[in-house]
Amino acid sequence: MECIQAERKSVYLFYAPMIVISLCLLAARTESSPMPENTYQNAVELLTTFSGERAEQYEPFFQFSNEARIVGVEIHAVGTNNTDARYNAGTEVWKQINNILRITTADGFEGISGVVSEHQGEFSNEHLLELQSVSDDLLALSSLDPVEVGTMLDQMRPNLSDASRANIDIALWDLAARRSGRPLYEMLGAKRDMIEPYASLPFYDSLPEYVEAVNKYAKLGYSIFKFHVWGQIEEDSRLVKLVEQTFKDSPYRFMIDLEGAYGFEDALRLGGEMDERLFIWLEGPIDDELLEQYSELNTRLALPIIPAGYNIYSPDFIRQGIKTGSWDAGRFDATTIGGISKALELLIIANDANLPIEIQSWGHSLAQASNLHLMLANERTKYFEASMPKEAYEFGMKNGNLLDGDRVIAPKGPGLGIKVDWDSLVRADFYVKIISPRNVE
């Protein structure tokens, strides 16, 4: 375990970065060129547009003051071997890291987020080190509003990854919701308090293992299962036939995720072989950039088609996909696109066009919870994606189990509602911790 502590004793060093960031925000707001469409000045404006209801009552919980400034930043990189996964036959094993950001304020509140990073072959602290590089900026913030902070980061850290932006943005939303004493989904404009889950399975090397996995996870209460498959048409076709023979009279339903592995003809063939009475959708059949081919697949197949959603998620891309009729539903993950703020912007566009968004939630409990709160505030999302093996992704959490019978519910408590067992994190197979407090009287 590595622990790095940084102390700042100079009053000048405390206030100077704060002034610089404030000037950057002012410059962004007063820029002479017109603001891009669907950008928002602050979280209250974004909330109002998304929910369709006035959100001024939440403004105090985003406000900055010297008494509410960020005084501590912790970053924890946590990896366990039992979350190792492959997503098709053509990839090596991915080692997964749960990157946990914890910010604390002078008045005793905290905000927490968790974003998963994956690396082939070995655990990596790359994401943690990037977050460390922005720790001083977080300690110097003159705003706690996630939308305003996003604007600051655009100015100061234009090359910061979307994953690190997501860590920061989600932690600030969690902080605001904790201040309000409400679960985050209520602040976002709750539409419901539960959602139907499906068990998202990793790639297996043999056909019988898929059948065994379905029977195993059905005992936990799941009746819908998503397969990550070979990405090879003959093997995948055999799996489709086996599933239809084995489970045709069962209450179970299935999805297949191809991770963009196919060309058009193979995608058309496999989609045509999948019985839409048994299969719910075909996910990521081809490269997400091929919107015209997606549109043709969508036209020619009875089975619903959705994109993979990990790599392309700009407002322009969503609008273009809507225009071309490429999908039956869009797809993205708040933890990979820059956070809750970006997700709300994209949901506004999709909802205005009546396009469902099947939000992803693969990952550890904190990442799952971030996306769950969005789902509970967005009635056009139908399913919750639960990573398997289930217990492995709950490591280090006191209440990481989101499954309640055959439904997923938000954990009780304000913000994301997830409680981290900080002392247990050191038992991970890979663990690095960085602490950056600012001790200024």
Protein backbone atom coordinates (compact mmCIF):
# COMPACT_ATOMS: atom_id res chain seq x y z
CA MET A 1 0.00 0.00 0.00
CA GLU A 2 1.23 3.48 -0.87
CA CYS A 3 0.12 6.60 0.98
CA ILE A 4 1.16 10.06 -0.16
CA GLN A 5 0.28 13.07 1.94
CA ALA A 6 0.59 16.67 0.78
CA GLU A 7 0.27 19.62 3.19
CA ARG A 8 -0.17 23.28 2.23
CA LYS A 9 0.63 25.89 4.90
CA SER A 10 0.82 29.11 2.94
CA VAL A 11 -2.30 31.26 2.90
CA TYR A 12 -1.17 32.62 -0.45
CA LEU A 13 -1.02 29.12 -1.90
CA PHE A 14 -4.55 28.51 -0.64
CA TYR A 15 -6.16 31.57 -2.18
CA ALA A 16 -4.12 32.06 -5.37
CA PRO A 17 -5.37 28.93 -7.18
CA MET A 18 -8.90 29.76 -6.08
CA ILE A 19 -8.64 33.17 -7.73
CA VAL A 20 -7.24 31.67 -10.93
CA ILE A 21 -10.09 29.17 -11.17
CA SER A 22 -12.68 31.88 -10.53
CA LEU A 23 -11.21 33.97 -13.36
CA CYS A 24 -11.34 30.95 -15.67
CA LEU A 25 -15.01 30.45 -14.87
CA LEU A 26 -15.72 34.14 -15.44
CA ALA A 27 -13.92 34.03 -18.77
CA ALA A 28 -15.93 30.97 -19.83
CA ARG A 29 -19.18 32.73 -18.97
CA THR A 30 -18.34 35.98 -20.73
CA GLU A 31 -16.80 34.51 -23.87
CA SER A 32 -18.01 36.54 -26.86
CA SER A 33 -18.75 33.53 -29.04
CA PRO A 34 -22.20 31.99 -28.55
CA MET A 35 -22.55 29.11 -26.10
CA PRO A 36 -23.01 25.67 -27.71
CA GLU A 37 -26.55 24.36 -27.76
CA ASN A 38 -27.59 22.30 -24.72
CA THR A 39 -24.87 23.62 -22.41
CA TYR A 40 -25.97 24.78 -18.99
CA GLN A 41 -24.61 27.44 -16.67
CA ASN A 42 -25.17 25.58 -13.40
CA ALA A 43 -26.68 22.48 -11.81
CA VAL A 44 -30.02 24.11 -10.98
CA GLU A 45 -30.55 25.11 -14.61
CA LEU A 46 -29.65 21.60 -15.74
CA LEU A 47 -31.96 20.01 -13.17
CA THR A 48 -34.85 22.25 -14.16
CA THR A 49 -34.48 21.38 -17.83
CA PHE A 50 -34.14 17.66 -17.19
CA SER A 51 -36.96 17.25 -14.69
CA GLY A 52 -39.31 19.85 -16.17
CA GLU A 53 -39.81 21.25 -12.68
CA ARG A 54 -38.30 24.28 -11.00
CA ALA A 55 -35.24 23.30 -8.96
CA GLU A 56 -34.33 26.53 -7.13
CA GLN A 57 -34.88 24.77 -3.79
CA TYR A 58 -31.66 22.84 -4.42
CA GLU A 59 -29.50 25.90 -5.05
CA PRO A 60 -28.22 26.21 -1.44
CA PHE A 61 -26.75 22.71 -1.59
CA PHE A 62 -24.47 23.62 -4.50
CA GLN A 63 -23.30 26.94 -3.04
CA PHE A 64 -19.69 27.51 -2.11
CA SER A 65 -18.48 29.29 1.00
CA ASN A 66 -15.25 29.38 2.96
CA GLU A 67 -16.97 27.22 5.57
CA ALA A 68 -17.95 24.68 2.92
CA ARG A 69 -14.73 24.60 0.88
CA ILE A 70 -13.05 21.29 0.04
CA VAL A 71 -10.35 20.55 2.62
CA GLY A 72 -9.49 16.94 1.83
CA VAL A 73 -9.14 14.70 -1.20
CA GLU A 74 -8.64 10.94 -0.98
CA ILE A 75 -8.16 8.63 -3.94
CA HIS A 76 -8.30 4.85 -3.56
CA ALA A 77 -7.42 2.42 -6.35
CA VAL A 78 -8.85 -0.99 -5.45
CA GLY A 79 -8.49 -4.18 -7.50
CA THR A 80 -9.46 -7.79 -6.84
CA ASN A 81 -8.65 -10.83 -8.94
CA ASN A 82 -12.20 -12.18 -8.84
CA THR A 83 -13.42 -9.36 -11.10
CA ASP A 84 -11.04 -10.41 -13.89
CA ALA A 85 -13.10 -10.68 -17.07
CA ARG A 86 -13.04 -11.26 -20.81
CA TYR A 87 -15.76 -9.82 -23.05
CA ASN A 88 -15.19 -11.93 -26.18
CA ALA A 89 -12.84 -14.59 -27.45
CA GLY A 90 -10.49 -12.07 -29.05
CA THR A 91 -9.47 -10.23 -25.89
CA GLU A 92 -7.11 -10.95 -23.04
CA VAL A 93 -8.18 -10.84 -19.42
CA TRP A 94 -9.03 -7.36 -18.19
CA LYS A 95 -7.93 -6.40 -14.67
CA GLN A 96 -10.46 -4.02 -13.14
CA ILE A 97 -9.74 -1.17 -10.73
CA ASN A 98 -12.40 0.57 -8.65
CA ASN A 99 -11.13 4.17 -8.46
CA ILE A 100 -12.82 5.80 -5.47
CA LEU A 101 -12.69 9.57 -5.01
CA ARG A 102 -13.62 11.02 -1.60
CA ILE A 103 -13.82 14.76 -1.06
CA THR A 104 -14.47 16.28 2.36
CA THR A 105 -15.53 19.83 3.16
CA ALA A 106 -14.71 22.13 6.06
CA ASP A 107 -18.19 21.72 7.54
CA GLY A 108 -17.92 17.93 7.74
CA PHE A 109 -19.75 16.76 4.61
CA GLU A 110 -18.26 14.42 2.02
CA GLY A 111 -18.87 13.39 -1.55
CA ILE A 112 -17.89 10.00 -2.97
CA SER A 113 -17.69 8.44 -6.43
CA GLY A 114 -16.36 5.25 -7.96
CA VAL A 115 -15.24 4.81 -11.57
CA VAL A 116 -13.95 1.53 -12.99
CA SER A 117 -10.82 1.43 -15.14
CA GLU A 118 -9.64 -1.69 -16.96
CA HIS A 119 -6.19 -2.76 -18.05
CA GLN A 120 -5.08 -5.89 -19.87
CA GLY A 121 -2.71 -8.19 -18.07
CA GLU A 122 -2.12 -6.37 -14.77
CA PHE A 123 -3.58 -3.88 -12.33
CA SER A 124 -2.72 -0.24 -12.99
CA ASN A 125 -2.76 2.99 -10.97
CA GLU A 126 -2.91 5.14 -14.12
CA HIS A 127 -6.36 6.54 -13.36
CA LEU A 128 -5.44 7.22 -9.74
CA LEU A 129 -2.37 9.19 -10.79
CA GLU A 130 -4.43 11.31 -13.17
CA LEU A 131 -6.84 12.13 -10.35
CA GLN A 132 -3.87 12.93 -8.12
CA SER A 133 -2.66 15.46 -10.70
CA VAL A 134 -5.88 17.44 -10.27
CA SER A 135 -6.11 17.17 -6.48
CA ASP A 136 -4.69 20.64 -5.85
CA ASP A 137 -7.25 22.09 -8.26
CA LEU A 138 -10.03 20.42 -6.27
CA LEU A 139 -8.68 21.80 -3.02
CA ALA A 140 -8.60 25.29 -4.55
CA LEU A 141 -12.12 25.21 -6.01
CA SER A 142 -14.28 28.28 -5.52
CA SER A 143 -17.41 26.36 -6.55
CA LEU A 144 -19.10 23.14 -5.50
CA ASP A 145 -21.52 23.19 -8.43
CA PRO A 146 -20.66 20.21 -10.69
CA VAL A 147 -21.67 22.05 -13.86
CA GLU A 148 -19.58 25.09 -12.99
CA VAL A 149 -16.65 22.88 -12.01
CA GLY A 150 -16.96 21.08 -15.35
CA THR A 151 -16.60 24.45 -17.09
CA MET A 152 -13.51 25.21 -14.98
CA LEU A 153 -11.95 21.87 -15.90
CA ASP A 154 -12.62 22.53 -19.58
CA GLN A 155 -10.54 25.69 -19.22
CA MET A 156 -7.80 24.44 -16.91
CA ARG A 157 -7.50 20.72 -17.73
CA PRO A 158 -8.71 20.25 -21.31
CA ASN A 159 -6.89 16.91 -21.62
CA LEU A 160 -8.36 15.39 -18.47
CA SER A 161 -10.01 12.05 -19.28
CA ASP A 162 -13.76 11.67 -19.20
CA ALA A 163 -13.37 8.98 -16.54
CA SER A 164 -11.58 11.37 -14.16
CA ARG A 165 -14.12 14.09 -14.96
CA ALA A 166 -16.81 11.56 -14.02
CA ASN A 167 -15.16 10.87 -10.67
CA ILE A 168 -15.16 14.59 -9.86
CA ASP A 169 -18.62 15.35 -11.21
CA ILE A 170 -20.34 12.41 -9.48
CA ALA A 171 -18.62 13.17 -6.16
CA LEU A 172 -19.95 16.75 -6.33
CA TRP A 173 -23.49 15.54 -7.09
CA ASP A 174 -23.21 13.09 -4.20
CA LEU A 175 -22.01 15.94 -1.96
CA ALA A 176 -24.94 18.19 -2.91
CA ALA A 177 -27.51 15.43 -2.39
CA ARG A 178 -25.98 14.56 0.99
CA ARG A 179 -26.24 18.22 1.98
CA SER A 180 -29.91 18.17 0.99
CA GLY A 181 -30.51 15.01 3.02
CA ARG A 182 -32.08 13.34 -0.05
CA PRO A 183 -31.16 10.39 -2.23
CA LEU A 184 -29.69 11.64 -5.50
CA TYR A 185 -32.53 10.26 -7.62
CA GLU A 186 -35.01 12.41 -5.70
CA MET A 187 -32.95 15.51 -6.42
CA LEU A 188 -32.87 14.50 -10.10
CA GLY A 189 -36.67 14.22 -10.19
CA ALA A 190 -37.63 10.69 -9.17
CA LYS A 191 -39.94 8.78 -11.49
CA ARG A 192 -39.86 5.51 -9.50
CA ASP A 193 -37.96 3.78 -6.72
CA MET A 194 -37.12 0.41 -8.30
CA ILE A 195 -36.21 -1.10 -11.66
CA GLU A 196 -35.95 -4.57 -13.22
CA PRO A 197 -32.38 -5.93 -13.39
CA TYR A 198 -30.57 -8.32 -15.67
CA ALA A 199 -27.49 -10.38 -14.90
CA SER A 200 -24.64 -9.28 -17.17
CA LEU A 201 -22.32 -12.27 -17.61
CA PRO A 202 -18.67 -12.26 -18.63
CA PHE A 203 -17.37 -14.31 -21.56
CA TYR A 204 -17.17 -18.06 -21.00
CA ASP A 205 -15.00 -20.49 -22.96
CA SER A 206 -17.65 -23.15 -23.55
CA LEU A 207 -21.35 -23.40 -24.31
CA PRO A 208 -22.26 -25.42 -21.18
CA GLU A 209 -20.82 -22.67 -18.97
CA TYR A 210 -23.44 -20.22 -20.26
CA VAL A 211 -26.25 -22.59 -19.32
CA GLU A 212 -24.68 -23.20 -15.91
CA ALA A 213 -24.36 -19.44 -15.32
CA VAL A 214 -28.03 -18.83 -16.16
CA ASN A 215 -29.13 -21.52 -13.72
CA LYS A 216 -26.75 -20.23 -11.05
CA TYR A 217 -27.76 -16.57 -11.18
CA ALA A 218 -31.45 -17.35 -11.59
CA LYS A 219 -31.30 -18.53 -7.97
CA LEU A 220 -30.46 -14.95 -6.94
CA GLY A 221 -33.69 -13.70 -8.48
CA TYR A 222 -32.61 -12.77 -12.01
CA SER A 223 -34.79 -13.77 -14.95
CA ILE A 224 -32.98 -11.77 -17.67
CA PHE A 225 -29.41 -12.51 -18.72
CA LYS A 226 -26.93 -10.81 -21.04
CA PHE A 227 -24.23 -12.82 -22.78
CA HIS A 228 -20.82 -11.53 -23.81
CA VAL A 229 -19.97 -13.95 -26.59
CA TRP A 230 -17.18 -15.08 -28.93
CA GLY A 231 -17.59 -12.36 -31.54
CA GLN A 232 -17.36 -15.15 -34.13
CA ILE A 233 -20.50 -15.88 -36.10
CA GLU A 234 -20.41 -19.69 -36.05
CA GLU A 235 -19.74 -19.94 -32.30
CA ASP A 236 -22.29 -17.27 -31.46
CA SER A 237 -24.87 -18.92 -33.70
CA ARG A 238 -24.40 -22.18 -31.82
CA LEU A 239 -24.99 -20.36 -28.53
CA VAL A 240 -28.23 -18.84 -29.84
CA LYS A 241 -29.48 -22.30 -30.89
CA LEU A 242 -28.50 -23.81 -27.52
CA VAL A 243 -30.28 -21.07 -25.57
CA GLU A 244 -33.42 -21.44 -27.67
CA GLN A 245 -33.42 -25.22 -27.20
CA THR A 246 -32.68 -25.09 -23.47
CA PHE A 247 -34.81 -22.18 -22.31
CA LYS A 248 -37.63 -21.86 -24.86
CA ASP A 249 -40.26 -22.84 -22.27
CA SER A 250 -38.66 -20.99 -19.36
CA PRO A 251 -39.57 -17.56 -17.95
CA TYR A 252 -36.05 -16.34 -18.80
CA ARG A 253 -35.15 -13.75 -21.43
CA PHE A 254 -31.75 -12.92 -22.94
CA MET A 255 -29.58 -10.30 -24.60
CA ILE A 256 -26.37 -10.63 -26.60
CA ASP A 257 -23.57 -8.06 -26.52
CA LEU A 258 -21.14 -8.31 -29.44
CA GLU A 259 -18.90 -5.41 -28.37
CA GLY A 260 -18.86 -4.13 -31.98
CA ALA A 261 -17.07 -7.26 -33.21
CA TYR A 262 -19.12 -8.00 -36.35
CA GLY A 263 -19.41 -6.68 -39.86
CA PHE A 264 -22.85 -5.94 -41.28
CA GLU A 265 -23.59 -9.31 -42.87
CA ASP A 266 -22.73 -11.36 -39.79
CA ALA A 267 -24.78 -8.99 -37.62
CA LEU A 268 -27.73 -9.37 -39.97
CA ARG A 269 -27.42 -13.15 -39.88
CA LEU A 270 -27.17 -13.49 -36.09
CA GLY A 271 -29.95 -10.98 -35.48
CA GLY A 272 -32.16 -12.94 -37.88
CA GLU A 273 -31.48 -16.16 -35.97
CA MET A 274 -32.42 -14.67 -32.59
CA ASP A 275 -36.07 -15.28 -31.70
CA GLU A 276 -37.44 -11.93 -30.53
CA ARG A 277 -39.82 -13.78 -28.19
CA LEU A 278 -36.78 -15.01 -26.24
CA PHE A 279 -34.15 -12.34 -26.91
CA ILE A 280 -34.76 -8.74 -25.81
CA TRP A 281 -32.05 -7.02 -27.87
CA LEU A 282 -28.81 -7.32 -29.84
CA GLU A 283 -26.22 -4.92 -28.44
CA GLY A 284 -23.19 -3.43 -30.18
CA PRO A 285 -23.37 -5.71 -33.24
CA ILE A 286 -21.07 -3.45 -35.32
CA ASP A 287 -18.85 -0.42 -34.79
CA ASP A 288 -20.90 2.38 -33.18
CA GLU A 289 -19.70 4.87 -35.78
CA LEU A 290 -21.55 3.05 -38.57
CA LEU A 291 -24.87 4.80 -38.06
CA GLU A 292 -26.16 4.14 -41.58
CA GLN A 293 -25.48 0.41 -41.21
CA TYR A 294 -27.15 0.47 -37.79
CA SER A 295 -30.15 2.09 -39.43
CA GLU A 296 -30.34 -0.66 -42.04
CA LEU A 297 -30.02 -3.37 -39.40
CA ASN A 298 -32.74 -1.68 -37.42
CA THR A 299 -34.98 -1.64 -40.48
CA ARG A 300 -34.37 -5.24 -41.55
CA LEU A 301 -34.41 -6.97 -38.15
CA ALA A 302 -37.44 -7.46 -35.91
CA LEU A 303 -35.11 -7.72 -32.91
CA PRO A 304 -34.35 -4.39 -31.14
CA ILE A 305 -30.86 -3.00 -31.83
CA ILE A 306 -28.82 -0.82 -29.45
CA PRO A 307 -25.22 0.47 -29.69
CA ALA A 308 -22.33 -0.55 -27.45
CA GLY A 309 -22.25 3.00 -26.11
CA TYR A 310 -18.80 3.15 -24.55
CA ASN A 311 -16.84 5.18 -27.08
CA ILE A 312 -19.14 7.74 -28.69
CA TYR A 313 -21.59 9.80 -26.69
CA SER A 314 -21.53 13.44 -27.80
CA PRO A 315 -24.78 15.41 -28.21
CA ASP A 316 -24.13 15.55 -31.96
CA PHE A 317 -23.73 11.77 -32.12
CA ILE A 318 -26.98 11.18 -30.22
CA ARG A 319 -28.81 13.61 -32.50
CA GLN A 320 -27.37 11.97 -35.63
CA GLY A 321 -28.37 8.52 -34.41
CA ILE A 322 -31.89 9.80 -33.77
CA LYS A 323 -32.03 11.41 -37.20
CA THR A 324 -30.94 8.24 -39.01
CA GLY A 325 -33.15 5.94 -36.91
CA SER A 326 -30.12 3.86 -36.01
CA TRP A 327 -31.26 2.37 -32.72
CA ASP A 328 -34.29 1.21 -30.80
CA ALA A 329 -32.55 2.66 -27.73
CA GLY A 330 -29.35 4.60 -27.10
CA ARG A 331 -26.74 3.62 -24.55
CA PHE A 332 -24.06 5.18 -22.35
CA ASP A 333 -22.58 5.00 -18.85
CA ALA A 334 -22.33 8.11 -16.66
CA THR A 335 -18.96 6.98 -15.31
CA THR A 336 -17.37 6.86 -18.77
CA ILE A 337 -18.84 9.99 -20.37
CA GLY A 338 -17.87 12.57 -17.77
CA GLY A 339 -20.44 12.12 -15.03
CA ILE A 340 -24.01 12.86 -14.02
CA SER A 341 -24.00 16.32 -15.61
CA LYS A 342 -23.11 15.00 -19.08
CA ALA A 343 -25.57 12.14 -18.71
CA LEU A 344 -28.40 14.54 -17.92
CA GLU A 345 -27.59 16.62 -21.02
CA LEU A 346 -27.74 13.53 -23.23
CA LEU A 347 -30.92 12.29 -21.58
CA ILE A 348 -32.59 15.64 -22.27
CA ILE A 349 -31.82 15.24 -25.99
CA ALA A 350 -32.99 11.61 -26.05
CA ASN A 351 -36.14 12.25 -24.04
CA ASP A 352 -37.12 15.15 -26.29
CA ALA A 353 -36.96 12.69 -29.21
CA ASN A 354 -38.74 9.88 -27.29
CA LEU A 355 -35.62 7.72 -27.64
CA PRO A 356 -35.14 5.29 -24.74
CA ILE A 357 -31.66 5.20 -23.24
CA GLU A 358 -30.64 1.86 -21.74
CA ILE A 359 -28.09 3.27 -19.32
CA GLN A 360 -25.14 0.99 -18.61
CA SER A 361 -24.18 0.16 -15.06
CA TRP A 362 -21.48 -2.49 -15.38
CA GLY A 363 -18.95 -2.10 -12.59
CA HIS A 364 -18.58 -1.92 -8.83
CA SER A 365 -21.29 -0.78 -6.44
CA LEU A 366 -20.48 2.95 -6.53
CA ALA A 367 -20.49 3.02 -10.33
CA GLN A 368 -23.66 0.94 -10.41
CA ALA A 369 -25.35 3.30 -7.95
CA SER A 370 -24.42 6.40 -9.96
CA ASN A 371 -26.20 5.00 -13.00
CA LEU A 372 -29.07 3.59 -10.94
CA HIS A 373 -30.01 7.05 -9.64
CA LEU A 374 -30.18 8.26 -13.24
CA MET A 375 -32.39 5.32 -14.19
CA LEU A 376 -34.79 5.99 -11.33
CA ALA A 377 -35.12 9.58 -12.54
CA ASN A 378 -35.55 8.57 -16.21
CA GLU A 379 -38.65 6.55 -17.00
CA ARG A 380 -37.46 5.66 -20.53
CA THR A 381 -34.75 3.35 -19.14
CA LYS A 382 -36.21 -0.13 -18.69
CA TYR A 383 -33.44 -2.34 -17.29
CA PHE A 384 -30.56 -2.23 -14.80
CA GLU A 385 -27.32 -4.00 -15.77
CA ALA A 386 -25.91 -5.98 -12.82
CA SER A 387 -22.31 -7.22 -13.09
CA MET A 388 -21.60 -10.87 -12.38
CA PRO A 389 -20.20 -12.40 -10.24
CA LYS A 390 -22.36 -10.18 -8.07
CA GLU A 391 -20.49 -10.35 -4.74
CA ALA A 392 -17.14 -9.59 -6.36
CA TYR A 393 -18.33 -6.15 -7.44
CA GLU A 394 -19.57 -5.32 -3.92
CA PHE A 395 -16.10 -5.59 -2.38
CA GLY A 396 -15.31 -2.87 0.16
CA MET A 397 -18.89 -1.65 0.48
CA LYS A 398 -21.08 -2.00 3.57
CA ASN A 399 -24.30 -1.96 1.55
CA GLY A 400 -23.22 -2.75 -1.99
CA ASN A 401 -26.07 -5.18 -2.64
CA LEU A 402 -28.69 -3.31 -4.68
CA LEU A 403 -30.84 -6.37 -5.42
CA ASP A 404 -34.11 -6.68 -3.47
CA GLY A 405 -35.92 -9.82 -4.58
CA ASP A 406 -36.35 -9.51 -8.33
CA ARG A 407 -35.91 -5.73 -8.39
CA VAL A 408 -33.07 -3.25 -7.87
CA ILE A 409 -33.64 -0.40 -5.45
CA ALA A 410 -31.55 2.60 -4.46
CA PRO A 411 -29.71 2.18 -1.16
CA LYS A 412 -31.21 4.06 1.75
CA GLY A 413 -29.62 7.36 2.71
CA PRO A 414 -28.69 10.66 1.08
CA GLY A 415 -26.59 11.04 -2.05
CA LEU A 416 -25.60 7.81 -3.78
CA GLY A 417 -26.43 6.02 -0.54
CA ILE A 418 -23.41 3.69 -0.71
CA LYS A 419 -21.36 3.31 2.47
CA VAL A 420 -17.71 2.44 1.97
CA ASP A 421 -15.95 0.19 4.46
CA TRP A 422 -12.71 2.14 4.24
CA ASP A 423 -10.76 -0.18 6.55
CA SER A 424 -11.53 -3.22 4.39
CA LEU A 425 -10.05 -1.77 1.19
CA VAL A 426 -6.51 -2.69 2.22
CA ARG A 427 -7.46 -6.36 1.85
CA ALA A 428 -7.76 -6.01 -1.92
CA ASP A 429 -5.30 -7.79 -4.19
CA PHE A 430 -4.20 -4.37 -5.43
CA TYR A 431 -4.53 -1.20 -3.37
CA VAL A 432 -3.04 2.27 -3.60
CA LYS A 433 -4.21 5.24 -1.54
CA ILE A 434 -3.38 8.91 -1.97
CA ILE A 435 -4.40 11.59 0.51
CA SER A 436 -4.13 15.30 -0.26
CA PRO A 437 -5.28 17.40 2.70
CA ARG A 438 -4.89 21.16 2.91
CA ASN A 439 -4.22 22.28 6.45
CA VAL A 440 -4.73 26.03 6.53
CA GLU A 441 -6.01 27.84 9.58
